C-alpha atoms as a PDB file:
ATOM      1  CA  MET A   1      12.364  80.131 115.935  1.00  0.00           C
ATOM      2  CA  ASN A   2      15.772  81.670 115.181  1.00  0.00           C
ATOM      3  CA  MET A   3      15.666  85.041 113.501  1.00  0.00           C
ATOM      4  CA  PRO A   4      17.513  85.144 110.131  1.00  0.00           C
ATOM      5  CA  ASP A   5      20.846  86.951 110.244  1.00  0.00           C
ATOM      6  CA  LYS A   6      21.600  89.898 108.014  1.00  0.00           C
ATOM      7  CA  ALA A   7      23.345  87.851 105.299  1.00  0.00           C
ATOM      8  CA  GLU A   8      20.222  85.688 104.855  1.00  0.00           C
ATOM      9  CA  ILE A   9      18.013  88.776 104.711  1.00  0.00           C
ATOM     10  CA  ILE A  10      20.255  90.327 102.051  1.00  0.00           C
ATOM     11  CA  ALA A  11      20.259  87.084 100.007  1.00  0.00           C
ATOM     12  CA  GLN A  12      16.486  86.773 100.188  1.00  0.00           C
ATOM     13  CA  ALA A  13      16.016  90.370  99.112  1.00  0.00           C
ATOM     14  CA  LEU A  14      18.309  89.812  96.077  1.00  0.00           C
ATOM     15  CA  LYS A  15      16.536  86.563  95.153  1.00  0.00           C
ATOM     16  CA  THR A  16      13.178  88.353  95.320  1.00  0.00           C
ATOM     17  CA  ALA A  17      14.528  91.046  93.041  1.00  0.00           C
ATOM     18  CA  HIS A  18      15.701  88.370  90.548  1.00  0.00           C
ATOM     19  CA  ASP A  19      12.392  86.532  90.748  1.00  0.00           C
ATOM     20  CA  LYS A  20      10.435  89.754  90.022  1.00  0.00           C
ATOM     21  CA  GLY A  21      12.691  90.764  87.130  1.00  0.00           C
ATOM     22  CA  GLU A  22      13.761  93.948  88.881  1.00  0.00           C
ATOM     23  CA  ASN A  23      16.817  95.911  87.687  1.00  0.00           C
ATOM     24  CA  PHE A  24      20.057  95.806  89.591  1.00  0.00           C
ATOM     25  CA  GLU A  25      20.171  98.398  92.373  1.00  0.00           C
ATOM     26  CA  ASN A  26      22.830  99.000  95.000  1.00  0.00           C
ATOM     27  CA  LEU A  27      21.722  97.700  98.410  1.00  0.00           C
ATOM     28  CA  LYS A  28      20.931 100.554 100.735  1.00  0.00           C
ATOM     29  CA  GLY A  29      20.081 101.223 104.328  1.00  0.00           C
ATOM     30  CA  ASP A  30      19.695  98.187 106.537  1.00  0.00           C
ATOM     31  CA  LEU A  31      20.294  95.901 103.575  1.00  0.00           C
ATOM     32  CA  ALA A  32      23.672  97.356 102.601  1.00  0.00           C
ATOM     33  CA  PRO A  33      26.525  94.980 103.466  1.00  0.00           C
ATOM     34  CA  ALA A  34      28.696  96.544 106.136  1.00  0.00           C
ATOM     35  CA  ASP A  35      31.886  95.142 104.638  1.00  0.00           C
ATOM     36  CA  GLU A  36      33.305  92.536 102.274  1.00  0.00           C
ATOM     37  CA  ASP A  37      32.935  89.767 104.861  1.00  0.00           C
ATOM     38  CA  GLU A  38      29.159  90.405 105.121  1.00  0.00           C
ATOM     39  CA  ALA A  39      28.866  90.623 101.335  1.00  0.00           C
ATOM     40  CA  TYR A  40      30.458  87.207 100.830  1.00  0.00           C
ATOM     41  CA  ALA A  41      28.353  85.741 103.632  1.00  0.00           C
ATOM     42  CA  ALA A  42      25.283  86.984 101.755  1.00  0.00           C
ATOM     43  CA  GLN A  43      26.617  85.417  98.565  1.00  0.00           C
ATOM     44  CA  TRP A  44      26.932  82.015 100.239  1.00  0.00           C
ATOM     45  CA  CYS A  45      23.284  82.336 101.361  1.00  0.00           C
ATOM     46  CA  PHE A  46      22.356  83.353  97.793  1.00  0.00           C
ATOM     47  CA  HIS A  47      23.959  80.139  96.492  1.00  0.00           C
ATOM     48  CA  ARG A  48      21.916  78.074  98.946  1.00  0.00           C
ATOM     49  CA  LEU A  49      18.572  79.798  98.203  1.00  0.00           C
ATOM     50  CA  HIS A  50      18.974  79.512  94.399  1.00  0.00           C
ATOM     51  CA  GLY A  51      20.287  75.980  94.687  1.00  0.00           C
ATOM     52  CA  GLN A  52      17.201  74.951  96.546  1.00  0.00           C
ATOM     53  CA  GLU A  53      14.952  76.314  93.788  1.00  0.00           C
ATOM     54  CA  GLY A  54      16.315  74.953  90.585  1.00  0.00           C
ATOM     55  CA  ARG A  55      19.763  76.230  89.784  1.00  0.00           C
ATOM     56  CA  GLY A  56      21.422  73.311  91.605  1.00  0.00           C
ATOM     57  CA  PRO A  57      24.610  73.108  93.566  1.00  0.00           C
ATOM     58  CA  LEU A  58      27.739  75.021  92.623  1.00  0.00           C
ATOM     59  CA  GLY A  59      29.689  73.610  89.735  1.00  0.00           C
ATOM     60  CA  GLY A  60      32.312  76.329  89.411  1.00  0.00           C
ATOM     61  CA  ARG A  61      33.679  79.737  90.374  1.00  0.00           C
ATOM     62  CA  LYS A  62      34.185  83.035  88.523  1.00  0.00           C
ATOM     63  CA  ILE A  63      36.284  86.136  88.875  1.00  0.00           C
ATOM     64  CA  ALA A  64      34.850  89.568  88.191  1.00  0.00           C
ATOM     65  CA  LEU A  65      36.075  93.167  88.216  1.00  0.00           C
ATOM     66  CA  ALA A  66      39.435  91.926  87.048  1.00  0.00           C
ATOM     67  CA  SER A  67      40.569  95.172  85.411  1.00  0.00           C
ATOM     68  CA  GLN A  68      41.761  98.278  87.236  1.00  0.00           C
ATOM     69  CA  VAL A  69      39.183 100.392  85.331  1.00  0.00           C
ATOM     70  CA  GLN A  70      36.322  98.181  86.581  1.00  0.00           C
ATOM     71  CA  GLN A  71      37.618  98.192  90.117  1.00  0.00           C
ATOM     72  CA  GLU A  72      37.939 102.011  90.187  1.00  0.00           C
ATOM     73  CA  LEU A  73      34.329 102.336  89.054  1.00  0.00           C
ATOM     74  CA  CYS A  74      33.244 100.128  91.973  1.00  0.00           C
ATOM     75  CA  GLY A  75      35.510 101.689  94.542  1.00  0.00           C
ATOM     76  CA  ILE A  76      37.767  98.694  95.300  1.00  0.00           C
ATOM     77  CA  ASP A  77      41.328  97.739  94.499  1.00  0.00           C
ATOM     78  CA  HIS A  78      41.009  93.991  93.786  1.00  0.00           C
ATOM     79  CA  PRO A  79      38.764  91.580  91.885  1.00  0.00           C
ATOM     80  CA  ILE A  80      35.772  89.781  93.327  1.00  0.00           C
ATOM     81  CA  ALA A  81      34.577  86.157  93.137  1.00  0.00           C
ATOM     82  CA  GLY A  82      31.253  84.492  92.442  1.00  0.00           C
ATOM     83  CA  GLY A  83      29.760  81.025  92.034  1.00  0.00           C
ATOM     84  CA  ILE A  84      28.618  79.150  88.916  1.00  0.00           C
ATOM     85  CA  PHE A  85      25.589  76.920  89.324  1.00  0.00           C
ATOM     86  CA  ALA A  86      26.066  73.375  88.032  1.00  0.00           C
ATOM     87  CA  ARG A  87      22.834  73.433  85.964  1.00  0.00           C
ATOM     88  CA  GLU A  88      24.090  76.526  84.150  1.00  0.00           C
ATOM     89  CA  ILE A  89      27.273  74.859  82.817  1.00  0.00           C
ATOM     90  CA  GLN A  90      26.890  73.824  79.185  1.00  0.00           C
ATOM     91  CA  THR A  91      29.230  72.170  76.733  1.00  0.00           C
ATOM     92  CA  SER A  92      29.869  73.487  73.243  1.00  0.00           C
ATOM     93  CA  PRO A  93      28.113  73.836  70.860  1.00  0.00           C
ATOM     94  CA  ALA A  94      25.319  75.394  72.954  1.00  0.00           C
ATOM     95  CA  LYS A  95      22.212  77.451  72.260  1.00  0.00           C
ATOM     96  CA  ILE A  96      20.395  79.992  74.437  1.00  0.00           C
ATOM     97  CA  GLU A  97      17.462  82.335  74.144  1.00  0.00           C
ATOM     98  CA  ARG A  98      18.297  85.943  74.917  1.00  0.00           C
ATOM     99  CA  LYS A  99      14.862  86.549  76.400  1.00  0.00           C
ATOM    100  CA  ASN A 100      15.685  84.221  79.288  1.00  0.00           C
ATOM    101  CA  TYR A 101      18.461  86.512  80.565  1.00  0.00           C
ATOM    102  CA  HIS A 102      17.952  89.897  82.210  1.00  0.00           C
ATOM    103  CA  GLY A 103      20.757  92.025  80.730  1.00  0.00           C
ATOM    104  CA  LEU A 104      22.826  89.344  78.908  1.00  0.00           C
ATOM    105  CA  GLY A 105      26.549  89.789  78.460  1.00  0.00           C
ATOM    106  CA  ILE A 106      29.096  87.382  77.031  1.00  0.00           C
ATOM    107  CA  GLU A 107      32.709  87.159  78.156  1.00  0.00           C
ATOM    108  CA  PHE A 108      35.682  85.223  76.681  1.00  0.00           C
ATOM    109  CA  GLU A 109      37.890  83.249  79.002  1.00  0.00           C
ATOM    110  CA  LEU A 110      40.280  80.431  79.777  1.00  0.00           C
ATOM    111  CA  ALA A 111      38.697  77.924  82.190  1.00  0.00           C
ATOM    112  CA  PHE A 112      40.336  75.352  84.394  1.00  0.00           C
ATOM    113  CA  GLN A 113      38.755  72.265  85.918  1.00  0.00           C
ATOM    114  CA  LEU A 114      39.901  71.061  89.319  1.00  0.00           C
ATOM    115  CA  ALA A 115      41.539  67.611  89.793  1.00  0.00           C
ATOM    116  CA  ASP A 116      41.151  67.523  93.555  1.00  0.00           C
ATOM    117  CA  ASP A 117      39.329  69.252  96.383  1.00  0.00           C
ATOM    118  CA  ILE A 118      41.077  72.404  97.674  1.00  0.00           C
ATOM    119  CA  HIS A 119      40.126  72.606 101.323  1.00  0.00           C
ATOM    120  CA  ALA A 120      39.125  75.557 103.456  1.00  0.00           C
ATOM    121  CA  ASN A 121      41.808  77.417 105.327  1.00  0.00           C
ATOM    122  CA  THR A 122      44.625  76.320 103.101  1.00  0.00           C
ATOM    123  CA  GLY A 123      46.914  78.478 101.001  1.00  0.00           C
ATOM    124  CA  PRO A 124      47.559  81.143  99.996  1.00  0.00           C
ATOM    125  CA  TYR A 125      48.297  79.853  96.526  1.00  0.00           C
ATOM    126  CA  ASP A 126      50.395  81.246  93.656  1.00  0.00           C
ATOM    127  CA  LYS A 127      50.796  80.433  89.972  1.00  0.00           C
ATOM    128  CA  GLN A 128      53.049  77.474  90.703  1.00  0.00           C
ATOM    129  CA  SER A 129      51.347  75.986  93.746  1.00  0.00           C
ATOM    130  CA  ILE A 130      47.932  76.003  92.086  1.00  0.00           C
ATOM    131  CA  ARG A 131      49.016  74.053  88.936  1.00  0.00           C
ATOM    132  CA  PRO A 132      48.918  70.546  90.583  1.00  0.00           C
ATOM    133  CA  TYR A 133      45.232  71.055  91.300  1.00  0.00           C
ATOM    134  CA  ILE A 134      44.349  71.570  87.629  1.00  0.00           C
ATOM    135  CA  ALA A 135      42.812  68.673  85.648  1.00  0.00           C
ATOM    136  CA  GLY A 136      42.248  70.454  82.361  1.00  0.00           C
ATOM    137  CA  ALA A 137      42.199  73.791  80.518  1.00  0.00           C
ATOM    138  CA  TYR A 138      39.420  74.899  78.142  1.00  0.00           C
ATOM    139  CA  ALA A 139      38.144  77.804  76.071  1.00  0.00           C
ATOM    140  CA  ALA A 140      34.976  79.092  77.706  1.00  0.00           C
ATOM    141  CA  LEU A 141      32.253  81.665  77.283  1.00  0.00           C
ATOM    142  CA  GLU A 142      30.788  83.245  80.414  1.00  0.00           C
ATOM    143  CA  LEU A 143      27.178  84.442  80.526  1.00  0.00           C
ATOM    144  CA  ILE A 144      26.482  87.369  82.842  1.00  0.00           C
ATOM    145  CA  ILE A 145      23.260  89.079  83.789  1.00  0.00           C
ATOM    146  CA  ASP A 146      23.684  92.722  84.776  1.00  0.00           C
ATOM    147  CA  ARG A 147      19.943  93.254  85.172  1.00  0.00           C
ATOM    148  CA  GLY A 148      20.129  96.679  83.531  1.00  0.00           C
ATOM    149  CA  ALA A 149      22.763  97.981  85.946  1.00  0.00           C
ATOM    150  CA  ASP A 150      23.982 101.564  85.823  1.00  0.00           C
ATOM    151  CA  TYR A 151      27.690 100.968  85.185  1.00  0.00           C
ATOM    152  CA  GLU A 152      28.611 104.380  86.552  1.00  0.00           C
ATOM    153  CA  ASN A 153      27.057 103.513  89.939  1.00  0.00           C
ATOM    154  CA  ILE A 154      27.885  99.992  91.069  1.00  0.00           C
ATOM    155  CA  ASP A 155      28.632  99.153  94.677  1.00  0.00           C
ATOM    156  CA  ALA A 156      31.135  96.311  94.821  1.00  0.00           C
ATOM    157  CA  PHE A 157      29.655  94.817  98.049  1.00  0.00           C
ATOM    158  CA  THR A 158      26.233  94.611  96.382  1.00  0.00           C
ATOM    159  CA  MET A 159      27.751  92.972  93.347  1.00  0.00           C
ATOM    160  CA  ILE A 160      29.501  90.408  95.549  1.00  0.00           C
ATOM    161  CA  ALA A 161      26.260  89.568  97.362  1.00  0.00           C
ATOM    162  CA  ASP A 162      24.507  89.324  93.997  1.00  0.00           C
ATOM    163  CA  ASN A 163      26.898  86.497  92.992  1.00  0.00           C
ATOM    164  CA  ALA A 164      28.973  88.748  90.703  1.00  0.00           C
ATOM    165  CA  TRP A 165      26.201  88.559  88.053  1.00  0.00           C
ATOM    166  CA  SER A 166      26.911  84.906  87.268  1.00  0.00           C
ATOM    167  CA  ALA A 167      24.551  83.267  84.719  1.00  0.00           C
ATOM    168  CA  GLY A 168      26.554  80.236  83.584  1.00  0.00           C
ATOM    169  CA  ILE A 169      29.301  79.194  81.253  1.00  0.00           C
ATOM    170  CA  VAL A 170      29.755  77.231  77.993  1.00  0.00           C
ATOM    171  CA  VAL A 171      32.875  75.060  77.923  1.00  0.00           C
ATOM    172  CA  GLY A 172      34.804  73.987  74.808  1.00  0.00           C
ATOM    173  CA  ASN A 173      37.043  70.962  74.298  1.00  0.00           C
ATOM    174  CA  GLU A 174      40.064  70.434  76.530  1.00  0.00           C
ATOM    175  CA  ILE A 175      43.277  72.038  75.369  1.00  0.00           C
ATOM    176  CA  PRO A 176      45.581  69.072  74.477  1.00  0.00           C
ATOM    177  CA  ASN A 177      48.943  68.849  76.271  1.00  0.00           C
ATOM    178  CA  TRP A 178      48.064  71.990  78.244  1.00  0.00           C
ATOM    179  CA  ARG A 179      50.684  71.224  80.898  1.00  0.00           C
ATOM    180  CA  ASP A 180      53.407  71.769  78.279  1.00  0.00           C
ATOM    181  CA  ARG A 181      52.052  75.147  77.137  1.00  0.00           C
ATOM    182  CA  ASP A 182      52.540  78.671  78.324  1.00  0.00           C
ATOM    183  CA  LEU A 183      48.969  79.362  79.392  1.00  0.00           C
ATOM    184  CA  ASP A 184      49.714  83.036  79.882  1.00  0.00           C
ATOM    185  CA  SER A 185      50.547  83.679  76.180  1.00  0.00           C
ATOM    186  CA  LEU A 186      48.168  81.675  74.015  1.00  0.00           C
ATOM    187  CA  PRO A 187      46.606  83.615  71.133  1.00  0.00           C
ATOM    188  CA  VAL A 188      42.825  83.780  71.066  1.00  0.00           C
ATOM    189  CA  THR A 189      40.290  84.712  68.354  1.00  0.00           C
ATOM    190  CA  LEU A 190      36.705  85.851  68.671  1.00  0.00           C
ATOM    191  CA  ARG A 191      34.265  85.552  65.771  1.00  0.00           C
ATOM    192  CA  TRP A 192      30.902  87.220  66.228  1.00  0.00           C
ATOM    193  CA  ASN A 193      28.487  86.785  63.388  1.00  0.00           C
ATOM    194  CA  ASP A 194      30.121  88.325  60.289  1.00  0.00           C
ATOM    195  CA  ASP A 195      32.043  91.002  62.191  1.00  0.00           C
ATOM    196  CA  PRO A 196      35.801  91.175  61.700  1.00  0.00           C
ATOM    197  CA  ALA A 197      37.604  88.680  63.909  1.00  0.00           C
ATOM    198  CA  ILE A 198      39.107  89.997  67.137  1.00  0.00           C
ATOM    199  CA  SER A 199      42.472  88.759  68.362  1.00  0.00           C
ATOM    200  CA  ALA A 200      43.984  88.873  71.790  1.00  0.00           C
ATOM    201  CA  SER A 201      45.999  86.731  74.254  1.00  0.00           C
ATOM    202  CA  THR A 202      45.222  84.663  77.321  1.00  0.00           C
ATOM    203  CA  GLY A 203      47.889  86.775  79.053  1.00  0.00           C
ATOM    204  CA  LEU A 204      45.449  89.650  79.296  1.00  0.00           C
ATOM    205  CA  SER A 205      43.713  87.843  82.164  1.00  0.00           C
ATOM    206  CA  ASN A 206      46.877  86.360  83.693  1.00  0.00           C
ATOM    207  CA  PRO A 207      44.851  83.121  84.149  1.00  0.00           C
ATOM    208  CA  LEU A 208      47.028  81.145  86.544  1.00  0.00           C
ATOM    209  CA  ALA A 209      47.500  84.119  88.827  1.00  0.00           C
ATOM    210  CA  SER A 210      43.828  84.926  88.670  1.00  0.00           C
ATOM    211  CA  MET A 211      42.902  81.337  89.552  1.00  0.00           C
ATOM    212  CA  ALA A 212      45.423  81.366  92.428  1.00  0.00           C
ATOM    213  CA  TRP A 213      43.988  84.638  93.743  1.00  0.00           C
ATOM    214  CA  MET A 214      40.463  83.332  93.614  1.00  0.00           C
ATOM    215  CA  ILE A 215      41.221  79.998  95.305  1.00  0.00           C
ATOM    216  CA  SER A 216      43.137  81.832  97.968  1.00  0.00           C
ATOM    217  CA  LEU A 217      40.221  84.115  98.590  1.00  0.00           C
ATOM    218  CA  LEU A 218      37.662  81.337  98.817  1.00  0.00           C
ATOM    219  CA  THR A 219      39.691  78.959 100.981  1.00  0.00           C
ATOM    220  CA  GLY A 220      40.744  81.806 103.209  1.00  0.00           C
ATOM    221  CA  ARG A 221      37.012  82.520 103.795  1.00  0.00           C
ATOM    222  CA  GLY A 222      36.309  78.943 104.779  1.00  0.00           C
ATOM    223  CA  GLN A 223      35.151  77.571 101.441  1.00  0.00           C
ATOM    224  CA  THR A 224      36.199  74.216 100.010  1.00  0.00           C
ATOM    225  CA  VAL A 225      36.430  74.222  96.197  1.00  0.00           C
ATOM    226  CA  LYS A 226      35.657  70.770  94.965  1.00  0.00           C
ATOM    227  CA  ALA A 227      37.188  68.422  92.416  1.00  0.00           C
ATOM    228  CA  GLY A 228      35.408  68.760  89.084  1.00  0.00           C
ATOM    229  CA  GLU A 229      34.492  72.410  89.540  1.00  0.00           C
ATOM    230  CA  PHE A 230      35.363  74.832  86.739  1.00  0.00           C
ATOM    231  CA  VAL A 231      37.205  78.066  87.486  1.00  0.00           C
ATOM    232  CA  ILE A 232      37.039  80.787  84.894  1.00  0.00           C
ATOM    233  CA  THR A 233      39.746  83.363  84.993  1.00  0.00           C
ATOM    234  CA  GLY A 234      38.496  86.664  83.456  1.00  0.00           C
ATOM    235  CA  SER A 235      37.635  87.912  80.005  1.00  0.00           C
ATOM    236  CA  VAL A 236      40.447  88.632  77.591  1.00  0.00           C
ATOM    237  CA  ILE A 237      38.192  90.572  75.251  1.00  0.00           C
ATOM    238  CA  ARG A 238      35.739  93.304  76.191  1.00  0.00           C
ATOM    239  CA  THR A 239      32.272  92.090  77.258  1.00  0.00           C
ATOM    240  CA  ARG A 240      29.788  91.911  74.440  1.00  0.00           C
ATOM    241  CA  TYR A 241      26.031  92.512  74.958  1.00  0.00           C
ATOM    242  CA  PRO A 242      23.999  90.785  72.213  1.00  0.00           C
ATOM    243  CA  VAL A 243      21.000  92.752  71.016  1.00  0.00           C
ATOM    244  CA  ALA A 244      19.807  90.237  68.419  1.00  0.00           C
ATOM    245  CA  ALA A 245      20.221  86.634  67.389  1.00  0.00           C
ATOM    246  CA  GLY A 246      23.667  85.545  66.449  1.00  0.00           C
ATOM    247  CA  GLN A 247      26.525  83.046  66.401  1.00  0.00           C
ATOM    248  CA  VAL A 248      29.614  83.312  68.598  1.00  0.00           C
ATOM    249  CA  ALA A 249      32.828  81.302  68.362  1.00  0.00           C
ATOM    250  CA  PHE A 250      35.850  81.764  70.662  1.00  0.00           C
ATOM    251  CA  ASP A 251      39.083  79.925  69.902  1.00  0.00           C
ATOM    252  CA  ILE A 252      42.296  79.507  71.938  1.00  0.00           C
ATOM    253  CA  ALA A 253      45.353  78.906  69.761  1.00  0.00           C
ATOM    254  CA  GLY A 254      43.464  76.546  67.422  1.00  0.00           C
ATOM    255  CA  LEU A 255      43.483  74.050  70.359  1.00  0.00           C
ATOM    256  CA  SER A 256      40.090  74.640  72.020  1.00  0.00           C
ATOM    257  CA  THR A 257      36.991  76.208  70.566  1.00  0.00           C
ATOM    258  CA  VAL A 258      33.694  77.069  72.169  1.00  0.00           C
ATOM    259  CA  SER A 259      30.523  78.147  70.213  1.00  0.00           C
ATOM    260  CA  LEU A 260      27.195  79.544  71.121  1.00  0.00           C
ATOM    261  CA  ARG A 261      24.074  80.243  69.153  1.00  0.00           C
ATOM    262  CA  ILE A 262      21.983  83.088  70.599  1.00  0.00           C
ATOM    263  CA  ASP A 263      18.270  83.137  69.559  1.00  0.00           C
END
């Protein structure tokens, strides 16, 4: 019998922590990823283990630690990527129960859906060369699970191995005529219960460049990103952590809206 390699051991340890409802802790000692390569290898194993036990195959990809402040807290100088499980992709309007998520956070993003497979060991891509691979653009909400993490003490390699805290997305309607629009400067509005509306711009996440970076990272590490997958490009409004039931609506330029009821 072949002994499991370190990436598999890390992934199994993380899955066990999730299954037991344990809080997020940085991996230490023999479990600590030696480098980014080992962290991503563990993440691929994490995808396989969770996919075998109910979360399904991957249906998308996410970017995390997109801001310089977040990166500095985690001791790196670039974002990280994670996978979105197909069974955790919902269409708007959607409803979730907060009790089913260990440390629920909501983020507010522009999502793309891929028109074609983007094969391993291609690229790198930039804002222009990635556009032909896009089938559609959408307003989206990302669900994250931080599992009670200490935000002042987060190891980026552990977060990579832990699938960048991915817990699913909710996708709105497709932005009409998106190819003719400047996707880096669309106004957005967040409405959270009866709180004053918050306005921002898609440019805060530089969505096309973020997508190009993530696809370049994944294909450069031997991953094929498949037609139909969603790619979310980073939150344009600060993450919100619901502490009670509520209603969330996120709109991009009056063109695409996504809504979520939290019970």
